Amino acid sequence: MSSQTPHGTAAATGTGKAAGAGGHLEGPRALLLDAGVPIASYYVLTGVFGMSTLAALAWSGALPAARSLWSLARERRFNAVATLMTATNVIGLLLSLVAGDERLMLAKDSAVSSTFGLAVLVSALIGRPLMAPMLKPWIVKGDAVKSAAWDRLTAESAWFRRVQSRHSAVWGTALLSECVARVIGAFTLPVDTMVWLGTVMLIAAIVVAVVVGGAVGIDKMEQMVRAEAAAHAEAAVAAAPAPNAGAAPAGTAVR
């Protein structure tokens, strides 16, 4: 086959490196730009600069909104995380228009984790786990061969897909639980306590999601990816023709 020629193999490997590098950058960077920066900037704008809730939500939502539109217009793809964070900020903006009760304003902060958590949980239930593209870079670690192995296992292994869904289900459940706890605390605990406890709850939910999410089979996934990558590499080497096969030995006179 032409795909097994040395030139074809090199071309495929080059393509794989490009894809792998893009996937490696897209996972952590996308999560940071689309979720981490907006959430962090909201707390910085309100807590450090004293900006109003309405203004802080509007400014912190600018980046994910821009990235969502850019993905649709330039890359012709749907940026799920950026769009989700944009929707979350819109919900926060609408809730911020409700004036009066300071406890309601504290409960409003759960809109971020609840919207994101619900979307992640639903994605796990329908078999399209939202956290899978964010998990992939941490397992393949920028390796093009492992990235291709991840894609093959996702397409061919039902168990592999189930673990992806379980991982997203853990994250969705943790974030929704944080939302419920924050709302309960906002209406039962002193306001001064909830000002700092709300952030502690969010951090605790993330830690729990990382620990429990890693226990649902992530180590086995890494082993499967390594094994699949190694098996595919060995098959490619075995199928490739020997270099200079049939060529006359160097220095032999041709009569």
C-alpha atoms as a PDB file:
ATOM      1  CA  MET A   1       0.000   0.000   0.000  1.00  0.00           C
ATOM      2  CA  SER A   2       1.141   3.510  -0.695  1.00  0.00           C
ATOM      3  CA  SER A   3       0.254   4.548   2.841  1.00  0.00           C
ATOM      4  CA  GLN A   4       2.932   2.170   4.113  1.00  0.00           C
ATOM      5  CA  THR A   5       5.773   3.636   2.107  1.00  0.00           C
ATOM      6  CA  PRO A   6       8.469   5.449   4.051  1.00  0.00           C
ATOM      7  CA  HIS A   7       7.377   8.736   2.497  1.00  0.00           C
ATOM      8  CA  GLY A   8       3.726   8.104   3.321  1.00  0.00           C
ATOM      9  CA  THR A   9       4.587   7.084   6.863  1.00  0.00           C
ATOM     10  CA  ALA A  10       6.635  10.227   7.375  1.00  0.00           C
ATOM     11  CA  ALA A  11       3.824  12.380   6.025  1.00  0.00           C
ATOM     12  CA  ALA A  12       1.308  10.727   8.299  1.00  0.00           C
ATOM     13  CA  THR A  13       3.612  11.158  11.263  1.00  0.00           C
ATOM     14  CA  GLY A  14       4.049  14.824  10.475  1.00  0.00           C
ATOM     15  CA  THR A  15       0.312  15.286  10.322  1.00  0.00           C
ATOM     16  CA  GLY A  16      -0.061  13.444  13.601  1.00  0.00           C
ATOM     17  CA  LYS A  17       2.470  15.723  15.276  1.00  0.00           C
ATOM     18  CA  ALA A  18       0.602  18.784  14.132  1.00  0.00           C
ATOM     19  CA  ALA A  19      -2.686  17.402  15.354  1.00  0.00           C
ATOM     20  CA  GLY A  20      -1.168  16.262  18.600  1.00  0.00           C
ATOM     21  CA  ALA A  21       0.433  19.603  19.255  1.00  0.00           C
ATOM     22  CA  GLY A  22      -2.822  21.383  18.533  1.00  0.00           C
ATOM     23  CA  GLY A  23      -4.753  19.061  20.821  1.00  0.00           C
ATOM     24  CA  HIS A  24      -2.187  19.501  23.584  1.00  0.00           C
ATOM     25  CA  LEU A  25      -2.435  23.261  23.389  1.00  0.00           C
ATOM     26  CA  GLU A  26      -6.172  23.344  22.941  1.00  0.00           C
ATOM     27  CA  GLY A  27      -7.094  21.429  26.105  1.00  0.00           C
ATOM     28  CA  PRO A  28      -5.369  23.314  28.960  1.00  0.00           C
ATOM     29  CA  ARG A  29      -5.282  26.619  27.073  1.00  0.00           C
ATOM     30  CA  ALA A  30      -8.958  26.455  26.130  1.00  0.00           C
ATOM     31  CA  LEU A  31      -9.978  25.610  29.688  1.00  0.00           C
ATOM     32  CA  LEU A  32      -7.873  28.493  31.010  1.00  0.00           C
ATOM     33  CA  LEU A  33      -9.125  31.051  28.471  1.00  0.00           C
ATOM     34  CA  ASP A  34     -12.765  30.002  28.382  1.00  0.00           C
ATOM     35  CA  ALA A  35     -13.406  29.148  32.040  1.00  0.00           C
ATOM     36  CA  GLY A  36     -10.479  30.020  34.316  1.00  0.00           C
ATOM     37  CA  VAL A  37      -9.841  33.593  33.180  1.00  0.00           C
ATOM     38  CA  PRO A  38     -13.523  34.696  33.216  1.00  0.00           C
ATOM     39  CA  ILE A  39     -14.158  33.252  36.690  1.00  0.00           C
ATOM     40  CA  ALA A  40     -10.936  34.662  38.123  1.00  0.00           C
ATOM     41  CA  SER A  41     -11.438  38.060  36.493  1.00  0.00           C
ATOM     42  CA  TYR A  42     -14.969  38.293  37.925  1.00  0.00           C
ATOM     43  CA  TYR A  43     -13.658  37.904  41.483  1.00  0.00           C
ATOM     44  CA  VAL A  44     -10.719  40.252  40.848  1.00  0.00           C
ATOM     45  CA  LEU A  45     -12.935  42.961  39.344  1.00  0.00           C
ATOM     46  CA  THR A  46     -15.450  42.795  42.186  1.00  0.00           C
ATOM     47  CA  GLY A  47     -13.118  42.085  45.105  1.00  0.00           C
ATOM     48  CA  VAL A  48     -10.002  44.059  44.211  1.00  0.00           C
ATOM     49  CA  PHE A  49     -11.268  46.875  42.018  1.00  0.00           C
ATOM     50  CA  GLY A  50     -14.679  47.216  43.650  1.00  0.00           C
ATOM     51  CA  MET A  51     -16.525  46.973  40.341  1.00  0.00           C
ATOM     52  CA  SER A  52     -20.256  46.361  40.422  1.00  0.00           C
ATOM     53  CA  THR A  53     -21.545  42.833  39.843  1.00  0.00           C
ATOM     54  CA  LEU A  54     -23.183  43.867  36.587  1.00  0.00           C
ATOM     55  CA  ALA A  55     -20.029  45.458  35.168  1.00  0.00           C
ATOM     56  CA  ALA A  56     -17.770  42.631  36.364  1.00  0.00           C
ATOM     57  CA  LEU A  57     -19.959  39.980  34.754  1.00  0.00           C
ATOM     58  CA  ALA A  58     -20.064  41.937  31.504  1.00  0.00           C
ATOM     59  CA  TRP A  59     -16.281  42.408  31.320  1.00  0.00           C
ATOM     60  CA  SER A  60     -15.419  38.872  32.438  1.00  0.00           C
ATOM     61  CA  GLY A  61     -17.746  37.454  29.795  1.00  0.00           C
ATOM     62  CA  ALA A  62     -16.138  39.346  26.923  1.00  0.00           C
ATOM     63  CA  LEU A  63     -13.341  36.817  26.287  1.00  0.00           C
ATOM     64  CA  PRO A  64     -15.431  33.612  26.075  1.00  0.00           C
ATOM     65  CA  ALA A  65     -18.037  35.439  23.971  1.00  0.00           C
ATOM     66  CA  ALA A  66     -15.342  36.577  21.534  1.00  0.00           C
ATOM     67  CA  ARG A  67     -13.807  33.086  21.356  1.00  0.00           C
ATOM     68  CA  SER A  68     -17.203  31.509  20.781  1.00  0.00           C
ATOM     69  CA  LEU A  69     -17.928  33.856  17.869  1.00  0.00           C
ATOM     70  CA  TRP A  70     -14.405  33.378  16.495  1.00  0.00           C
ATOM     71  CA  SER A  71     -14.796  29.588  16.476  1.00  0.00           C
ATOM     72  CA  LEU A  72     -18.073  29.832  14.598  1.00  0.00           C
ATOM     73  CA  ALA A  73     -16.920  32.439  12.065  1.00  0.00           C
ATOM     74  CA  ARG A  74     -13.308  31.432  11.423  1.00  0.00           C
ATOM     75  CA  GLU A  75     -12.960  27.778  12.393  1.00  0.00           C
ATOM     76  CA  ARG A  76     -16.516  26.665  11.545  1.00  0.00           C
ATOM     77  CA  ARG A  77     -16.868  24.767  14.819  1.00  0.00           C
ATOM     78  CA  PHE A  78     -18.869  25.027  18.009  1.00  0.00           C
ATOM     79  CA  ASN A  79     -16.770  26.019  21.042  1.00  0.00           C
ATOM     80  CA  ALA A  80     -18.756  24.333  23.802  1.00  0.00           C
ATOM     81  CA  VAL A  81     -16.846  25.694  26.798  1.00  0.00           C
ATOM     82  CA  ALA A  82     -16.696  29.289  25.556  1.00  0.00           C
ATOM     83  CA  THR A  83     -20.381  29.247  24.630  1.00  0.00           C
ATOM     84  CA  LEU A  84     -21.281  27.728  27.996  1.00  0.00           C
ATOM     85  CA  MET A  85     -19.353  30.400  29.894  1.00  0.00           C
ATOM     86  CA  THR A  86     -21.028  33.098  27.786  1.00  0.00           C
ATOM     87  CA  ALA A  87     -24.439  31.659  28.669  1.00  0.00           C
ATOM     88  CA  THR A  88     -23.400  31.489  32.317  1.00  0.00           C
ATOM     89  CA  ASN A  89     -22.465  35.171  32.326  1.00  0.00           C
ATOM     90  CA  VAL A  90     -25.735  36.095  30.641  1.00  0.00           C
ATOM     91  CA  ILE A  91     -27.621  34.249  33.386  1.00  0.00           C
ATOM     92  CA  GLY A  92     -25.519  36.053  35.978  1.00  0.00           C
ATOM     93  CA  LEU A  93     -26.257  39.405  34.341  1.00  0.00           C
ATOM     94  CA  LEU A  94     -29.990  38.727  34.403  1.00  0.00           C
ATOM     95  CA  LEU A  95     -29.869  37.629  38.036  1.00  0.00           C
ATOM     96  CA  SER A  96     -27.806  40.669  38.966  1.00  0.00           C
ATOM     97  CA  LEU A  97     -30.723  42.848  37.857  1.00  0.00           C
ATOM     98  CA  VAL A  98     -32.712  41.465  40.782  1.00  0.00           C
ATOM     99  CA  ALA A  99     -32.232  44.188  43.373  1.00  0.00           C
ATOM    100  CA  GLY A 100     -32.415  44.037  47.121  1.00  0.00           C
ATOM    101  CA  ASP A 101     -31.651  40.961  49.171  1.00  0.00           C
ATOM    102  CA  GLU A 102     -27.908  40.527  49.761  1.00  0.00           C
ATOM    103  CA  ARG A 103     -28.446  36.828  50.426  1.00  0.00           C
ATOM    104  CA  LEU A 104     -29.939  36.473  46.960  1.00  0.00           C
ATOM    105  CA  MET A 105     -26.858  38.185  45.573  1.00  0.00           C
ATOM    106  CA  LEU A 106     -24.663  35.616  47.358  1.00  0.00           C
ATOM    107  CA  ALA A 107     -26.739  32.738  46.002  1.00  0.00           C
ATOM    108  CA  LYS A 108     -26.419  34.256  42.519  1.00  0.00           C
ATOM    109  CA  ASP A 109     -22.714  33.347  42.442  1.00  0.00           C
ATOM    110  CA  SER A 110     -23.715  29.682  42.172  1.00  0.00           C
ATOM    111  CA  ALA A 111     -24.995  30.399  38.644  1.00  0.00           C
ATOM    112  CA  VAL A 112     -21.479  29.841  37.293  1.00  0.00           C
ATOM    113  CA  SER A 113     -20.900  26.407  38.803  1.00  0.00           C
ATOM    114  CA  SER A 114     -24.523  25.268  38.440  1.00  0.00           C
ATOM    115  CA  THR A 115     -24.794  26.123  34.728  1.00  0.00           C
ATOM    116  CA  PHE A 116     -21.444  24.573  33.921  1.00  0.00           C
ATOM    117  CA  GLY A 117     -22.062  21.573  36.180  1.00  0.00           C
ATOM    118  CA  LEU A 118     -25.487  20.873  34.685  1.00  0.00           C
ATOM    119  CA  ALA A 119     -24.148  21.061  31.131  1.00  0.00           C
ATOM    120  CA  VAL A 120     -21.267  18.704  31.974  1.00  0.00           C
ATOM    121  CA  LEU A 121     -23.615  16.244  33.684  1.00  0.00           C
ATOM    122  CA  VAL A 122     -26.062  16.254  30.767  1.00  0.00           C
ATOM    123  CA  SER A 123     -23.200  15.757  28.310  1.00  0.00           C
ATOM    124  CA  ALA A 124     -22.149  12.644  30.257  1.00  0.00           C
ATOM    125  CA  LEU A 125     -25.687  11.257  30.272  1.00  0.00           C
ATOM    126  CA  ILE A 126     -26.087  11.624  26.500  1.00  0.00           C
ATOM    127  CA  GLY A 127     -22.684  10.092  25.774  1.00  0.00           C
ATOM    128  CA  ARG A 128     -20.912  13.253  24.621  1.00  0.00           C
ATOM    129  CA  PRO A 129     -18.782  14.083  27.681  1.00  0.00           C
ATOM    130  CA  LEU A 130     -17.828  17.733  27.739  1.00  0.00           C
ATOM    131  CA  MET A 131     -14.734  17.123  29.856  1.00  0.00           C
ATOM    132  CA  ALA A 132     -13.214  14.545  27.472  1.00  0.00           C
ATOM    133  CA  PRO A 133     -11.407  17.111  25.262  1.00  0.00           C
ATOM    134  CA  MET A 134      -9.977  18.648  28.434  1.00  0.00           C
ATOM    135  CA  LEU A 135      -8.908  15.249  29.814  1.00  0.00           C
ATOM    136  CA  LYS A 136      -7.199  14.111  26.608  1.00  0.00           C
ATOM    137  CA  PRO A 137      -4.163  16.480  26.745  1.00  0.00           C
ATOM    138  CA  TRP A 138      -3.322  15.373  30.285  1.00  0.00           C
ATOM    139  CA  ILE A 139      -3.195  11.726  29.167  1.00  0.00           C
ATOM    140  CA  VAL A 140      -1.501  12.023  25.762  1.00  0.00           C
ATOM    141  CA  LYS A 141       0.890  14.780  26.965  1.00  0.00           C
ATOM    142  CA  GLY A 142       1.411  16.222  23.491  1.00  0.00           C
ATOM    143  CA  ASP A 143       2.502  12.882  21.983  1.00  0.00           C
ATOM    144  CA  ALA A 144       1.105  12.540  18.443  1.00  0.00           C
ATOM    145  CA  VAL A 145       1.101   8.727  18.542  1.00  0.00           C
ATOM    146  CA  LYS A 146      -0.762   8.682  21.864  1.00  0.00           C
ATOM    147  CA  SER A 147      -3.187  11.307  20.566  1.00  0.00           C
ATOM    148  CA  ALA A 148      -4.027   9.074  17.606  1.00  0.00           C
ATOM    149  CA  ALA A 149      -4.341   6.103  19.984  1.00  0.00           C
ATOM    150  CA  TRP A 150      -6.817   8.097  22.118  1.00  0.00           C
ATOM    151  CA  ASP A 151      -8.922   8.811  19.020  1.00  0.00           C
ATOM    152  CA  ARG A 152      -8.927   5.149  17.971  1.00  0.00           C
ATOM    153  CA  LEU A 153      -9.873   3.950  21.445  1.00  0.00           C
ATOM    154  CA  THR A 154     -12.638   6.553  21.662  1.00  0.00           C
ATOM    155  CA  ALA A 155     -14.049   5.286  18.368  1.00  0.00           C
ATOM    156  CA  GLU A 156     -13.623   1.569  19.042  1.00  0.00           C
ATOM    157  CA  SER A 157     -13.769   0.930  22.810  1.00  0.00           C
ATOM    158  CA  ALA A 158     -17.114   1.184  24.608  1.00  0.00           C
ATOM    159  CA  TRP A 159     -15.323   0.924  27.972  1.00  0.00           C
ATOM    160  CA  PHE A 160     -13.051   3.830  27.071  1.00  0.00           C
ATOM    161  CA  ARG A 161     -16.068   5.976  26.206  1.00  0.00           C
ATOM    162  CA  ARG A 162     -17.824   4.977  29.435  1.00  0.00           C
ATOM    163  CA  VAL A 163     -14.879   6.155  31.514  1.00  0.00           C
ATOM    164  CA  GLN A 164     -14.943   9.508  29.696  1.00  0.00           C
ATOM    165  CA  SER A 165     -18.628   9.813  30.558  1.00  0.00           C
ATOM    166  CA  ARG A 166     -18.014   8.809  34.181  1.00  0.00           C
ATOM    167  CA  HIS A 167     -15.279  11.429  34.472  1.00  0.00           C
ATOM    168  CA  SER A 168     -17.634  14.149  33.199  1.00  0.00           C
ATOM    169  CA  ALA A 169     -20.425  12.861  35.459  1.00  0.00           C
ATOM    170  CA  VAL A 170     -18.144  13.232  38.491  1.00  0.00           C
ATOM    171  CA  TRP A 171     -17.321  16.827  37.561  1.00  0.00           C
ATOM    172  CA  GLY A 172     -20.932  17.716  36.864  1.00  0.00           C
ATOM    173  CA  THR A 173     -22.117  16.180  40.140  1.00  0.00           C
ATOM    174  CA  ALA A 174     -19.391  17.921  42.162  1.00  0.00           C
ATOM    175  CA  LEU A 175     -20.188  21.345  40.707  1.00  0.00           C
ATOM    176  CA  LEU A 176     -23.938  20.928  41.129  1.00  0.00           C
ATOM    177  CA  SER A 177     -23.418  19.812  44.730  1.00  0.00           C
ATOM    178  CA  GLU A 178     -21.341  22.938  45.331  1.00  0.00           C
ATOM    179  CA  CYS A 179     -24.187  25.000  43.914  1.00  0.00           C
ATOM    180  CA  VAL A 180     -26.740  23.430  46.281  1.00  0.00           C
ATOM    181  CA  ALA A 181     -24.425  23.884  49.274  1.00  0.00           C
ATOM    182  CA  ARG A 182     -23.773  27.512  48.352  1.00  0.00           C
ATOM    183  CA  VAL A 183     -27.484  28.316  48.031  1.00  0.00           C
ATOM    184  CA  ILE A 184     -28.258  26.649  51.365  1.00  0.00           C
ATOM    185  CA  GLY A 185     -25.390  28.524  53.014  1.00  0.00           C
ATOM    186  CA  ALA A 186     -26.451  31.831  51.483  1.00  0.00           C
ATOM    187  CA  PHE A 187     -29.836  31.644  53.223  1.00  0.00           C
ATOM    188  CA  THR A 188     -28.825  29.977  56.498  1.00  0.00           C
ATOM    189  CA  LEU A 189     -25.319  31.213  57.416  1.00  0.00           C
ATOM    190  CA  PRO A 190     -24.189  34.749  58.270  1.00  0.00           C
ATOM    191  CA  VAL A 191     -23.498  36.858  55.203  1.00  0.00           C
ATOM    192  CA  ASP A 192     -19.941  37.641  56.346  1.00  0.00           C
ATOM    193  CA  THR A 193     -19.238  33.910  56.588  1.00  0.00           C
ATOM    194  CA  MET A 194     -20.566  33.121  53.122  1.00  0.00           C
ATOM    195  CA  VAL A 195     -18.459  35.851  51.522  1.00  0.00           C
ATOM    196  CA  TRP A 196     -15.348  33.676  52.005  1.00  0.00           C
ATOM    197  CA  LEU A 197     -16.963  30.258  52.464  1.00  0.00           C
ATOM    198  CA  GLY A 198     -18.465  30.350  48.969  1.00  0.00           C
ATOM    199  CA  THR A 199     -14.985  30.407  47.429  1.00  0.00           C
ATOM    200  CA  VAL A 200     -13.844  27.609  49.752  1.00  0.00           C
ATOM    201  CA  MET A 201     -16.825  25.516  48.636  1.00  0.00           C
ATOM    202  CA  LEU A 202     -15.908  25.975  44.976  1.00  0.00           C
ATOM    203  CA  ILE A 203     -12.267  25.021  45.575  1.00  0.00           C
ATOM    204  CA  ALA A 204     -13.359  21.978  47.597  1.00  0.00           C
ATOM    205  CA  ALA A 205     -15.701  20.871  44.789  1.00  0.00           C
ATOM    206  CA  ILE A 206     -12.877  21.117  42.246  1.00  0.00           C
ATOM    207  CA  VAL A 207     -10.509  19.111  44.482  1.00  0.00           C
ATOM    208  CA  VAL A 208     -13.142  16.409  44.994  1.00  0.00           C
ATOM    209  CA  ALA A 209     -13.807  16.277  41.235  1.00  0.00           C
ATOM    210  CA  VAL A 210     -10.096  15.882  40.482  1.00  0.00           C
ATOM    211  CA  VAL A 211      -9.597  13.118  43.071  1.00  0.00           C
ATOM    212  CA  VAL A 212     -12.793  11.150  42.400  1.00  0.00           C
ATOM    213  CA  GLY A 213     -12.577  11.758  38.652  1.00  0.00           C
ATOM    214  CA  GLY A 214      -9.119  10.244  38.660  1.00  0.00           C
ATOM    215  CA  ALA A 215     -10.396   7.148  40.463  1.00  0.00           C
ATOM    216  CA  VAL A 216     -13.009   6.135  37.880  1.00  0.00           C
ATOM    217  CA  GLY A 217     -10.442   4.563  35.554  1.00  0.00           C
ATOM    218  CA  ILE A 218      -8.058   7.286  34.394  1.00  0.00           C
ATOM    219  CA  ASP A 219      -4.979   5.166  35.195  1.00  0.00           C
ATOM    220  CA  LYS A 220      -6.387   2.301  33.109  1.00  0.00           C
ATOM    221  CA  MET A 221      -7.094   4.748  30.294  1.00  0.00           C
ATOM    222  CA  GLU A 222      -3.453   5.834  30.316  1.00  0.00           C
ATOM    223  CA  GLN A 223      -2.331   2.204  30.176  1.00  0.00           C
ATOM    224  CA  MET A 224      -4.677   1.502  27.270  1.00  0.00           C
ATOM    225  CA  VAL A 225      -3.440   4.555  25.376  1.00  0.00           C
ATOM    226  CA  ARG A 226       0.205   3.529  25.870  1.00  0.00           C
ATOM    227  CA  ALA A 227      -0.514  -0.049  24.806  1.00  0.00           C
ATOM    228  CA  GLU A 228      -2.507   1.024  21.758  1.00  0.00           C
ATOM    229  CA  ALA A 229       0.184   3.495  20.719  1.00  0.00           C
ATOM    230  CA  ALA A 230       2.923   0.870  21.085  1.00  0.00           C
ATOM    231  CA  ALA A 231       0.949  -1.774  19.183  1.00  0.00           C
ATOM    232  CA  HIS A 232       0.180   0.639  16.348  1.00  0.00           C
ATOM    233  CA  ALA A 233       3.817   1.712  16.092  1.00  0.00           C
ATOM    234  CA  GLU A 234       4.986  -1.920  15.944  1.00  0.00           C
ATOM    235  CA  ALA A 235       2.413  -2.725  13.249  1.00  0.00           C
ATOM    236  CA  ALA A 236       3.539   0.262  11.176  1.00  0.00           C
ATOM    237  CA  VAL A 237       7.191  -0.797  11.411  1.00  0.00           C
ATOM    238  CA  ALA A 238       6.352  -4.408  10.479  1.00  0.00           C
ATOM    239  CA  ALA A 239       4.272  -3.323   7.480  1.00  0.00           C
ATOM    240  CA  ALA A 240       6.832  -0.846   6.140  1.00  0.00           C
ATOM    241  CA  PRO A 241       9.092  -2.233   3.357  1.00  0.00           C
ATOM    242  CA  ALA A 242      12.777  -2.623   4.131  1.00  0.00           C
ATOM    243  CA  PRO A 243      14.802   0.392   2.922  1.00  0.00           C
ATOM    244  CA  ASN A 244      16.609  -0.084  -0.436  1.00  0.00           C
ATOM    245  CA  ALA A 245      14.957  -3.475  -0.884  1.00  0.00           C
ATOM    246  CA  GLY A 246      16.119  -5.068  -4.143  1.00  0.00           C
ATOM    247  CA  ALA A 247      18.832  -2.497  -4.727  1.00  0.00           C
ATOM    248  CA  ALA A 248      22.296  -3.654  -5.816  1.00  0.00           C
ATOM    249  CA  PRO A 249      24.932  -3.595  -3.065  1.00  0.00           C
ATOM    250  CA  ALA A 250      27.009  -0.449  -2.980  1.00  0.00           C
ATOM    251  CA  GLY A 251      30.153  -0.681  -5.126  1.00  0.00           C
ATOM    252  CA  THR A 252      28.856  -3.528  -7.315  1.00  0.00           C
ATOM    253  CA  ALA A 253      29.481  -2.946 -10.981  1.00  0.00           C
ATOM    254  CA  VAL A 254      26.422  -2.988 -13.230  1.00  0.00           C
ATOM    255  CA  ARG A 255      27.080  -4.949 -16.437  1.00  0.00           C
END
